[in-house]
Structures are given as C-alpha cells and as structure tokens.
Amino acid sequence: MIRHTFSLLSGIGEKLERSLWKRGILTWDDFLKLKEIEGISPERKVSYDDLLTRASIELGIGNAEYFARILKRREHWRLFEVFGDGAVCLDIETNGLQPGAGGYATVVGLYDGFDCRCFVSGEDLTVENINSALAGYKYLITFYGAAFDIPFLLRTMPGVRFDIPHFDLCFAARRLELNGGLKKLEQMLGINRQESVRGMNGYDAVKLWEQAKRGSSEAMERLLIYNMEDTKHLLEIAGVLYEKMKRLSGIEECRGEKKVCECA
C-alpha cells in the first residue's frame, strides 16, 4: 500500500490521491515515469519526483523512522504490509492516577507475535529497558495508544523514545465505523480471552496492582495475564483492519479498473 501512497507529498490529500489512481497513476514508479501531470505544476512535479525517489530508497533499506517522520500519523496503517513482520504490540497498565498527580505505569507489555515481555514497576520497568526492547522493532501497534499509552509514558518516563511508525487500531476502527473498545472489537472478530481475565477492565487492573503491592502473587499473575491479553491479539487485529482500510482507500477498485483497461 505504501508504494501507492501520494498523500505523503505536501499538498496531496486523499481526494487528489484517489484522482491520480483513477487516472492510472497507481504507484510511485507510475508517477516518476510521467514528465507532466495535469493539476501539478512543473516545479512541483520536480519536487515531488525528488521526494518519491528518496522515499523509494529509504523503503528499500527498511528505514522505518524516515516514514514515521514524513507520513501523517493517521496514515501509518499503510506501512503494515512492509513493516508488519518487524512489529511490536504495546499496552500499559497504570495505578489509576493521571500524570502529574501521582500517576505511573505499573506494567508495560510488549508482544511481537512470538514473545511476550512484561516490564513491572519497581522491578525492571525503566526507560533504558523500554528503549532497549523497542530498538529491535520497526513498527508499533497499539489500541488507543496514540491518545493514552504513548503520551502517558512520555510524561511519566522522560527519555523513552517512540521513533517508529505507529498503527493505532482504535482510530483505524473508528474510520471503518467499528465503534467500541478493544474487547468489543475482539468479540466482533471472534477472538476470546483467557477465562481467568475474561470480562476484566482497566479498573480491575488497578485493583490487582494494589493487591500485588500488598504481597499477592496471585494478583500479580492475573495482572500480567490481563496485560498479555491486551497485547497478544493486536497483531492479528491489525492485519484484519489493514485489509479493510486498504479496501476503504479505493486503491483496489482503481487497480481493478486499470487491469480491465489494459486487457480491453
């Protein structure tokens, strides 16, 4: 999808992007092959050519941070097919208070499709450990993380870095009119949680943390399982939402029209 993306160019929004697709300009290569394009001045065409050439080079070497900078955050979903294999899912639990009012993360969970890691406050949850863990990945997946998890960590753990593209499934789901929280989305997709934490919510996680601080190993175990359940299905959901977003964009319809024209 990213090689069909022209909205990374300043001045090109989704409407003009779709207009280019409908004219048969479907990829960066299609764009670069043309000397002129109606509606784009010669000067701007040269500038766009330079930017797309640079983007193609950076994509070729797998420079995810470059695209985190140049692509609008709401369009980071377009990178899933390219960087999804190097993705990590993140979810945090907190003590229920806001940053600046005593709030802190109690657990930060990471899941990459193979391994699940939980960093716990007072044990191994440090800026250095989080940065080190994230350094091996090219793509971040969360649910509502752009509005909650990431700002919370940035405020309560100064120095933590999030430089890679970020696919927030919550906002993608809203664009697809799949409203509700993560658990409702899981139910829609037929995804079940472990019975021991089924039906739990964020407030329950706060209470489990309070019990764990008082020495309950059972509460800590349930808290970590709950956090793991919040992360381990995100990659699967991301794949489903990516395909839906791709269809919503209109690119597949335009590609189909071009094939019909070429065969006619």
C-alpha atoms as a PDB file:
ATOM      1  CA  MET A   1       0.000   0.000   0.000  1.00  0.00           C
ATOM      2  CA  ILE A   2       2.783   2.437   0.796  1.00  0.00           C
ATOM      3  CA  ARG A   3       4.012   2.479  -2.820  1.00  0.00           C
ATOM      4  CA  HIS A   4       0.526   3.616  -3.844  1.00  0.00           C
ATOM      5  CA  THR A   5       0.650   6.450  -1.316  1.00  0.00           C
ATOM      6  CA  PHE A   6       0.913  10.000  -2.661  1.00  0.00           C
ATOM      7  CA  SER A   7      -0.558  11.658   0.425  1.00  0.00           C
ATOM      8  CA  LEU A   8       2.956  11.717   1.883  1.00  0.00           C
ATOM      9  CA  LEU A   9       3.587  14.609  -0.528  1.00  0.00           C
ATOM     10  CA  SER A  10       2.770  18.079   0.784  1.00  0.00           C
ATOM     11  CA  GLY A  11      -0.338  19.395  -0.927  1.00  0.00           C
ATOM     12  CA  ILE A  12      -1.731  15.992  -1.887  1.00  0.00           C
ATOM     13  CA  GLY A  13      -4.618  14.755   0.199  1.00  0.00           C
ATOM     14  CA  GLU A  14      -6.751  11.653  -0.098  1.00  0.00           C
ATOM     15  CA  LYS A  15      -9.037  13.267  -2.731  1.00  0.00           C
ATOM     16  CA  LEU A  16      -6.210  14.148  -5.117  1.00  0.00           C
ATOM     17  CA  GLU A  17      -4.509  10.851  -4.386  1.00  0.00           C
ATOM     18  CA  ARG A  18      -7.606   8.954  -5.468  1.00  0.00           C
ATOM     19  CA  SER A  19      -7.844  11.171  -8.565  1.00  0.00           C
ATOM     20  CA  LEU A  20      -4.315  10.115  -9.512  1.00  0.00           C
ATOM     21  CA  TRP A  21      -5.216   6.462  -9.024  1.00  0.00           C
ATOM     22  CA  LYS A  22      -8.287   6.832 -11.227  1.00  0.00           C
ATOM     23  CA  ARG A  23      -6.073   8.273 -13.962  1.00  0.00           C
ATOM     24  CA  GLY A  24      -3.942   5.144 -13.834  1.00  0.00           C
ATOM     25  CA  ILE A  25      -1.136   6.690 -11.763  1.00  0.00           C
ATOM     26  CA  LEU A  26      -1.157   3.941  -9.165  1.00  0.00           C
ATOM     27  CA  THR A  27       2.416   3.741  -7.896  1.00  0.00           C
ATOM     28  CA  TRP A  28       5.439   5.908  -7.284  1.00  0.00           C
ATOM     29  CA  ASP A  29       7.010   4.429 -10.431  1.00  0.00           C
ATOM     30  CA  ASP A  30       3.944   5.414 -12.485  1.00  0.00           C
ATOM     31  CA  PHE A  31       4.285   8.959 -11.165  1.00  0.00           C
ATOM     32  CA  LEU A  32       8.017   9.180 -11.844  1.00  0.00           C
ATOM     33  CA  LYS A  33       7.712   7.934 -15.424  1.00  0.00           C
ATOM     34  CA  LEU A  34       5.475  10.859 -16.425  1.00  0.00           C
ATOM     35  CA  LYS A  35       7.041  14.153 -17.457  1.00  0.00           C
ATOM     36  CA  GLU A  36       3.953  16.121 -16.546  1.00  0.00           C
ATOM     37  CA  ILE A  37       0.686  15.520 -14.689  1.00  0.00           C
ATOM     38  CA  GLU A  38      -2.424  17.613 -15.093  1.00  0.00           C
ATOM     39  CA  GLY A  39      -3.091  19.686 -11.988  1.00  0.00           C
ATOM     40  CA  ILE A  40       0.523  19.608 -10.797  1.00  0.00           C
ATOM     41  CA  SER A  41       2.867  22.416 -11.821  1.00  0.00           C
ATOM     42  CA  PRO A  42       6.204  21.514 -13.472  1.00  0.00           C
ATOM     43  CA  GLU A  43       8.106  22.917 -10.489  1.00  0.00           C
ATOM     44  CA  ARG A  44       6.082  20.903  -8.014  1.00  0.00           C
ATOM     45  CA  LYS A  45       6.389  17.790 -10.186  1.00  0.00           C
ATOM     46  CA  VAL A  46      10.188  18.026  -9.948  1.00  0.00           C
ATOM     47  CA  SER A  47       9.973  18.437  -6.171  1.00  0.00           C
ATOM     48  CA  TYR A  48       7.591  15.501  -5.854  1.00  0.00           C
ATOM     49  CA  ASP A  49       9.845  13.345  -8.037  1.00  0.00           C
ATOM     50  CA  ASP A  50      12.764  14.026  -5.699  1.00  0.00           C
ATOM     51  CA  LEU A  51      10.694  13.160  -2.639  1.00  0.00           C
ATOM     52  CA  LEU A  52       9.334   9.935  -4.126  1.00  0.00           C
ATOM     53  CA  THR A  53      12.803   8.885  -5.262  1.00  0.00           C
ATOM     54  CA  ARG A  54      14.110   9.447  -1.736  1.00  0.00           C
ATOM     55  CA  ALA A  55      11.139   7.582  -0.249  1.00  0.00           C
ATOM     56  CA  SER A  56      11.777   4.627  -2.554  1.00  0.00           C
ATOM     57  CA  ILE A  57      15.409   4.480  -1.449  1.00  0.00           C
ATOM     58  CA  GLU A  58      14.510   4.685   2.248  1.00  0.00           C
ATOM     59  CA  LEU A  59      11.863   1.990   1.810  1.00  0.00           C
ATOM     60  CA  GLY A  60      14.399  -0.202   0.068  1.00  0.00           C
ATOM     61  CA  ILE A  61      16.761  -0.060   3.035  1.00  0.00           C
ATOM     62  CA  GLY A  62      13.931  -0.513   5.539  1.00  0.00           C
ATOM     63  CA  ASN A  63      14.239   2.885   7.192  1.00  0.00           C
ATOM     64  CA  ALA A  64      11.025   2.866   9.227  1.00  0.00           C
ATOM     65  CA  GLU A  65      11.926   6.015  11.195  1.00  0.00           C
ATOM     66  CA  TYR A  66      12.023   8.011   7.943  1.00  0.00           C
ATOM     67  CA  PHE A  67       8.387   7.181   7.234  1.00  0.00           C
ATOM     68  CA  ALA A  68       7.384   7.902  10.824  1.00  0.00           C
ATOM     69  CA  ARG A  69       8.578  11.452  10.148  1.00  0.00           C
ATOM     70  CA  ILE A  70       7.206  12.127   6.656  1.00  0.00           C
ATOM     71  CA  LEU A  71       3.882  10.284   6.742  1.00  0.00           C
ATOM     72  CA  LYS A  72       0.859  11.662   8.579  1.00  0.00           C
ATOM     73  CA  ARG A  73       0.248   9.567  11.675  1.00  0.00           C
ATOM     74  CA  ARG A  74      -3.289   8.680  10.617  1.00  0.00           C
ATOM     75  CA  GLU A  75      -1.765   7.076   7.506  1.00  0.00           C
ATOM     76  CA  HIS A  76       0.814   4.915   9.279  1.00  0.00           C
ATOM     77  CA  TRP A  77      -1.521   1.962   8.746  1.00  0.00           C
ATOM     78  CA  ARG A  78      -0.318   1.971   5.117  1.00  0.00           C
ATOM     79  CA  LEU A  79       3.064   0.655   6.272  1.00  0.00           C
ATOM     80  CA  PHE A  80       1.727  -2.519   7.872  1.00  0.00           C
ATOM     81  CA  GLU A  81       2.406  -4.763   4.880  1.00  0.00           C
ATOM     82  CA  VAL A  82       6.013  -3.580   4.685  1.00  0.00           C
ATOM     83  CA  PHE A  83       6.961  -3.368   8.364  1.00  0.00           C
ATOM     84  CA  GLY A  84       4.386  -5.680   9.981  1.00  0.00           C
ATOM     85  CA  ASP A  85       6.893  -8.525  10.261  1.00  0.00           C
ATOM     86  CA  GLY A  86       9.025  -6.258  12.436  1.00  0.00           C
ATOM     87  CA  ALA A  87       6.134  -5.005  14.551  1.00  0.00           C
ATOM     88  CA  VAL A  88       5.680  -4.937  18.298  1.00  0.00           C
ATOM     89  CA  CYS A  89       2.376  -4.507  20.124  1.00  0.00           C
ATOM     90  CA  LEU A  90       2.323  -2.361  23.257  1.00  0.00           C
ATOM     91  CA  ASP A  91      -0.132  -1.876  26.089  1.00  0.00           C
ATOM     92  CA  ILE A  92       0.271  -0.363  29.527  1.00  0.00           C
ATOM     93  CA  GLU A  93      -1.463  -0.646  32.881  1.00  0.00           C
ATOM     94  CA  THR A  94      -1.393   2.228  35.374  1.00  0.00           C
ATOM     95  CA  ASN A  95      -2.125   2.900  39.027  1.00  0.00           C
ATOM     96  CA  GLY A  96      -5.275   4.782  38.012  1.00  0.00           C
ATOM     97  CA  LEU A  97      -3.924   8.298  38.546  1.00  0.00           C
ATOM     98  CA  GLN A  98      -3.097  10.924  35.942  1.00  0.00           C
ATOM     99  CA  PRO A  99       0.470  12.015  35.094  1.00  0.00           C
ATOM    100  CA  GLY A 100       1.392  14.923  37.330  1.00  0.00           C
ATOM    101  CA  ALA A 101      -0.972  13.685  40.045  1.00  0.00           C
ATOM    102  CA  GLY A 102       0.965  10.625  41.126  1.00  0.00           C
ATOM    103  CA  GLY A 103       0.188   8.519  38.086  1.00  0.00           C
ATOM    104  CA  TYR A 104       2.671   5.972  36.818  1.00  0.00           C
ATOM    105  CA  ALA A 105       2.736   2.884  34.623  1.00  0.00           C
ATOM    106  CA  THR A 106       2.565  -0.321  36.622  1.00  0.00           C
ATOM    107  CA  VAL A 107       3.102  -2.697  33.697  1.00  0.00           C
ATOM    108  CA  VAL A 108       4.288  -2.191  30.124  1.00  0.00           C
ATOM    109  CA  GLY A 109       3.628  -5.195  27.919  1.00  0.00           C
ATOM    110  CA  LEU A 110       5.232  -5.911  24.563  1.00  0.00           C
ATOM    111  CA  TYR A 111       4.320  -8.693  22.139  1.00  0.00           C
ATOM    112  CA  ASP A 112       5.845  -9.324  18.713  1.00  0.00           C
ATOM    113  CA  GLY A 113       3.882 -12.358  17.600  1.00  0.00           C
ATOM    114  CA  PHE A 114       6.319 -14.750  19.246  1.00  0.00           C
ATOM    115  CA  ASP A 115       7.429 -13.436  22.612  1.00  0.00           C
ATOM    116  CA  CYS A 116       5.548 -11.520  25.294  1.00  0.00           C
ATOM    117  CA  ARG A 117       7.508  -9.346  27.718  1.00  0.00           C
ATOM    118  CA  CYS A 118       6.055  -7.511  30.708  1.00  0.00           C
ATOM    119  CA  PHE A 119       8.057  -4.796  32.454  1.00  0.00           C
ATOM    120  CA  VAL A 120       6.868  -4.195  36.008  1.00  0.00           C
ATOM    121  CA  SER A 121       7.175  -1.030  38.075  1.00  0.00           C
ATOM    122  CA  GLY A 122       9.725  -1.392  40.862  1.00  0.00           C
ATOM    123  CA  GLU A 123      11.366  -4.347  39.114  1.00  0.00           C
ATOM    124  CA  ASP A 124      12.530  -3.873  35.538  1.00  0.00           C
ATOM    125  CA  LEU A 125      10.331  -1.069  34.195  1.00  0.00           C
ATOM    126  CA  THR A 126      12.925   1.568  33.321  1.00  0.00           C
ATOM    127  CA  VAL A 127      13.457   3.985  30.445  1.00  0.00           C
ATOM    128  CA  GLU A 128      16.614   2.128  29.470  1.00  0.00           C
ATOM    129  CA  ASN A 129      14.881  -1.245  29.351  1.00  0.00           C
ATOM    130  CA  ILE A 130      11.926   0.041  27.323  1.00  0.00           C
ATOM    131  CA  ASN A 131      14.153   1.829  24.825  1.00  0.00           C
ATOM    132  CA  SER A 132      16.363  -1.239  24.514  1.00  0.00           C
ATOM    133  CA  ALA A 133      13.355  -3.512  23.957  1.00  0.00           C
ATOM    134  CA  LEU A 134      11.829  -1.219  21.317  1.00  0.00           C
ATOM    135  CA  ALA A 135      15.109  -0.743  19.466  1.00  0.00           C
ATOM    136  CA  GLY A 136      14.776  -4.055  17.648  1.00  0.00           C
ATOM    137  CA  TYR A 137      11.436  -3.229  16.022  1.00  0.00           C
ATOM    138  CA  LYS A 138      10.321  -1.172  13.036  1.00  0.00           C
ATOM    139  CA  TYR A 139       6.600  -0.755  13.698  1.00  0.00           C
ATOM    140  CA  LEU A 140       4.422  -0.096  16.744  1.00  0.00           C
ATOM    141  CA  ILE A 141       0.845  -1.340  17.150  1.00  0.00           C
ATOM    142  CA  THR A 142      -1.479  -0.210  19.939  1.00  0.00           C
ATOM    143  CA  PHE A 143      -5.146   0.263  20.672  1.00  0.00           C
ATOM    144  CA  TYR A 144      -5.776   3.899  21.640  1.00  0.00           C
ATOM    145  CA  GLY A 145      -2.071   4.205  22.335  1.00  0.00           C
ATOM    146  CA  ALA A 146      -1.682   7.476  20.444  1.00  0.00           C
ATOM    147  CA  ALA A 147      -4.130   9.124  22.836  1.00  0.00           C
ATOM    148  CA  PHE A 148      -3.291   7.320  26.081  1.00  0.00           C
ATOM    149  CA  ASP A 149      -0.402   4.835  26.380  1.00  0.00           C
ATOM    150  CA  ILE A 150       2.263   6.779  24.489  1.00  0.00           C
ATOM    151  CA  PRO A 151       1.506  10.265  25.962  1.00  0.00           C
ATOM    152  CA  PHE A 152       1.297   8.684  29.422  1.00  0.00           C
ATOM    153  CA  LEU A 153       4.717   7.072  29.087  1.00  0.00           C
ATOM    154  CA  LEU A 154       6.268  10.206  27.587  1.00  0.00           C
ATOM    155  CA  ARG A 155       5.062  12.243  30.562  1.00  0.00           C
ATOM    156  CA  THR A 156       5.899   9.777  33.321  1.00  0.00           C
ATOM    157  CA  MET A 157       9.092   8.276  31.889  1.00  0.00           C
ATOM    158  CA  PRO A 158      11.107  11.145  30.368  1.00  0.00           C
ATOM    159  CA  GLY A 159      13.602   9.851  27.832  1.00  0.00           C
ATOM    160  CA  VAL A 160      11.512   6.981  26.486  1.00  0.00           C
ATOM    161  CA  ARG A 161      11.568   7.060  22.679  1.00  0.00           C
ATOM    162  CA  PHE A 162       8.942   6.212  20.084  1.00  0.00           C
ATOM    163  CA  ASP A 163      10.528   6.914  16.700  1.00  0.00           C
ATOM    164  CA  ILE A 164       8.925   4.197  14.584  1.00  0.00           C
ATOM    165  CA  PRO A 165       5.624   4.285  12.673  1.00  0.00           C
ATOM    166  CA  HIS A 166       2.597   3.727  14.877  1.00  0.00           C
ATOM    167  CA  PHE A 167      -0.578   1.926  13.793  1.00  0.00           C
ATOM    168  CA  ASP A 168      -3.275   2.808  16.330  1.00  0.00           C
ATOM    169  CA  LEU A 169      -6.052   0.269  15.793  1.00  0.00           C
ATOM    170  CA  CYS A 170      -8.619   2.308  17.699  1.00  0.00           C
ATOM    171  CA  PHE A 171      -8.613   5.167  15.202  1.00  0.00           C
ATOM    172  CA  ALA A 172      -8.490   2.817  12.224  1.00  0.00           C
ATOM    173  CA  ALA A 173     -11.550   1.011  13.619  1.00  0.00           C
ATOM    174  CA  ARG A 174     -13.385   4.315  14.017  1.00  0.00           C
ATOM    175  CA  ARG A 175     -12.679   5.222  10.389  1.00  0.00           C
ATOM    176  CA  LEU A 176     -14.177   1.845   9.486  1.00  0.00           C
ATOM    177  CA  GLU A 177     -17.184   2.571  11.751  1.00  0.00           C
ATOM    178  CA  LEU A 178     -16.279  -0.318  14.038  1.00  0.00           C
ATOM    179  CA  ASN A 179     -17.017   1.548  17.235  1.00  0.00           C
ATOM    180  CA  GLY A 180     -16.307   0.384  20.771  1.00  0.00           C
ATOM    181  CA  GLY A 181     -13.287  -0.662  22.786  1.00  0.00           C
ATOM    182  CA  LEU A 182     -10.729  -3.382  22.195  1.00  0.00           C
ATOM    183  CA  LYS A 183     -12.767  -6.092  23.885  1.00  0.00           C
ATOM    184  CA  LYS A 184     -15.815  -5.336  21.751  1.00  0.00           C
ATOM    185  CA  LEU A 185     -13.656  -5.449  18.625  1.00  0.00           C
ATOM    186  CA  GLU A 186     -12.238  -8.796  19.714  1.00  0.00           C
ATOM    187  CA  GLN A 187     -15.783 -10.142  20.117  1.00  0.00           C
ATOM    188  CA  MET A 188     -16.688  -8.900  16.616  1.00  0.00           C
ATOM    189  CA  LEU A 189     -13.735 -10.825  15.221  1.00  0.00           C
ATOM    190  CA  GLY A 190     -14.381 -13.963  17.259  1.00  0.00           C
ATOM    191  CA  ILE A 191     -11.309 -13.570  19.473  1.00  0.00           C
ATOM    192  CA  ASN A 192     -11.577 -14.979  23.001  1.00  0.00           C
ATOM    193  CA  ARG A 193      -9.552 -14.121  26.077  1.00  0.00           C
ATOM    194  CA  GLN A 194      -8.274 -16.442  28.778  1.00  0.00           C
ATOM    195  CA  GLU A 195     -11.105 -17.303  31.144  1.00  0.00           C
ATOM    196  CA  SER A 196      -9.204 -16.069  34.212  1.00  0.00           C
ATOM    197  CA  VAL A 197      -9.265 -12.463  32.955  1.00  0.00           C
ATOM    198  CA  ARG A 198     -12.342 -12.510  30.737  1.00  0.00           C
ATOM    199  CA  GLY A 199     -14.583  -9.537  31.481  1.00  0.00           C
ATOM    200  CA  MET A 200     -11.872  -7.572  33.284  1.00  0.00           C
ATOM    201  CA  ASN A 201     -11.281  -3.882  32.588  1.00  0.00           C
ATOM    202  CA  GLY A 202      -8.736  -1.192  33.394  1.00  0.00           C
ATOM    203  CA  TYR A 203     -10.191  -0.507  36.832  1.00  0.00           C
ATOM    204  CA  ASP A 204      -9.810  -4.178  37.702  1.00  0.00           C
ATOM    205  CA  ALA A 205      -6.151  -3.911  36.673  1.00  0.00           C
ATOM    206  CA  VAL A 206      -5.697  -1.009  39.093  1.00  0.00           C
ATOM    207  CA  LYS A 207      -7.173  -3.076  41.947  1.00  0.00           C
ATOM    208  CA  LEU A 208      -4.957  -6.039  41.054  1.00  0.00           C
ATOM    209  CA  TRP A 209      -1.907  -3.784  41.244  1.00  0.00           C
ATOM    210  CA  GLU A 210      -2.926  -2.587  44.705  1.00  0.00           C
ATOM    211  CA  GLN A 211      -3.314  -6.190  45.833  1.00  0.00           C
ATOM    212  CA  ALA A 212       0.033  -7.130  44.264  1.00  0.00           C
ATOM    213  CA  LYS A 213       1.752  -4.314  46.171  1.00  0.00           C
ATOM    214  CA  ARG A 214       0.367  -5.808  49.370  1.00  0.00           C
ATOM    215  CA  GLY A 215       2.096  -9.071  48.504  1.00  0.00           C
ATOM    216  CA  SER A 216      -0.449 -11.054  46.490  1.00  0.00           C
ATOM    217  CA  SER A 217       1.426 -13.114  43.918  1.00  0.00           C
ATOM    218  CA  GLU A 218      -1.910 -14.340  42.520  1.00  0.00           C
ATOM    219  CA  ALA A 219      -2.994 -10.746  41.840  1.00  0.00           C
ATOM    220  CA  MET A 220       0.300 -10.030  40.088  1.00  0.00           C
ATOM    221  CA  GLU A 221      -0.071 -13.118  37.946  1.00  0.00           C
ATOM    222  CA  ARG A 222      -3.598 -12.141  36.893  1.00  0.00           C
ATOM    223  CA  LEU A 223      -2.458  -8.578  36.162  1.00  0.00           C
ATOM    224  CA  LEU A 224       0.293  -9.836  33.858  1.00  0.00           C
ATOM    225  CA  ILE A 225      -2.101 -12.223  32.116  1.00  0.00           C
ATOM    226  CA  TYR A 226      -4.570  -9.361  31.634  1.00  0.00           C
ATOM    227  CA  ASN A 227      -1.856  -7.178  30.136  1.00  0.00           C
ATOM    228  CA  MET A 228      -0.719 -10.012  27.884  1.00  0.00           C
ATOM    229  CA  GLU A 229      -4.288 -10.479  26.632  1.00  0.00           C
ATOM    230  CA  ASP A 230      -4.391  -6.752  25.801  1.00  0.00           C
ATOM    231  CA  THR A 231      -1.329  -7.108  23.570  1.00  0.00           C
ATOM    232  CA  LYS A 232      -1.262 -10.561  22.056  1.00  0.00           C
ATOM    233  CA  HIS A 233      -4.254 -10.156  19.719  1.00  0.00           C
ATOM    234  CA  LEU A 234      -3.302  -6.711  18.377  1.00  0.00           C
ATOM    235  CA  LEU A 235      -1.152  -8.086  15.564  1.00  0.00           C
ATOM    236  CA  GLU A 236      -3.978 -10.297  14.309  1.00  0.00           C
ATOM    237  CA  ILE A 237      -6.460  -7.421  14.513  1.00  0.00           C
ATOM    238  CA  ALA A 238      -4.013  -5.135  12.712  1.00  0.00           C
ATOM    239  CA  GLY A 239      -3.942  -7.499   9.738  1.00  0.00           C
ATOM    240  CA  VAL A 240      -7.739  -7.520   9.532  1.00  0.00           C
ATOM    241  CA  LEU A 241      -8.071  -3.735   9.832  1.00  0.00           C
ATOM    242  CA  TYR A 242      -5.266  -3.159   7.337  1.00  0.00           C
ATOM    243  CA  GLU A 243      -7.135  -5.099   4.654  1.00  0.00           C
ATOM    244  CA  LYS A 244     -10.349  -3.218   5.447  1.00  0.00           C
ATOM    245  CA  MET A 245      -8.552   0.145   5.331  1.00  0.00           C
ATOM    246  CA  LYS A 246      -6.988  -0.793   2.039  1.00  0.00           C
ATOM    247  CA  ARG A 247     -10.401  -1.508   0.547  1.00  0.00           C
ATOM    248  CA  LEU A 248     -11.773   1.720   2.030  1.00  0.00           C
ATOM    249  CA  SER A 249      -8.992   3.737   0.381  1.00  0.00           C
ATOM    250  CA  GLY A 250     -10.220   2.759  -3.088  1.00  0.00           C
ATOM    251  CA  ILE A 251      -6.871   1.521  -4.397  1.00  0.00           C
ATOM    252  CA  GLU A 252      -8.078  -1.999  -5.113  1.00  0.00           C
ATOM    253  CA  GLU A 253     -11.003  -0.707  -7.171  1.00  0.00           C
ATOM    254  CA  CYS A 254      -8.680   1.536  -9.174  1.00  0.00           C
ATOM    255  CA  ARG A 255      -6.195  -1.281  -9.720  1.00  0.00           C
ATOM    256  CA  GLY A 256      -9.027  -3.463 -10.982  1.00  0.00           C
ATOM    257  CA  GLU A 257     -10.168  -0.761 -13.405  1.00  0.00           C
ATOM    258  CA  LYS A 258      -6.648  -0.436 -14.810  1.00  0.00           C
ATOM    259  CA  LYS A 259      -6.398  -4.177 -15.391  1.00  0.00           C
ATOM    260  CA  VAL A 260      -9.715  -4.120 -17.272  1.00  0.00           C
ATOM    261  CA  CYS A 261      -8.463  -1.249 -19.453  1.00  0.00           C
ATOM    262  CA  GLU A 262      -5.175  -2.997 -20.173  1.00  0.00           C
ATOM    263  CA  CYS A 263      -6.988  -6.190 -21.191  1.00  0.00           C
ATOM    264  CA  ALA A 264      -9.598  -4.442 -23.335  1.00  0.00           C
END
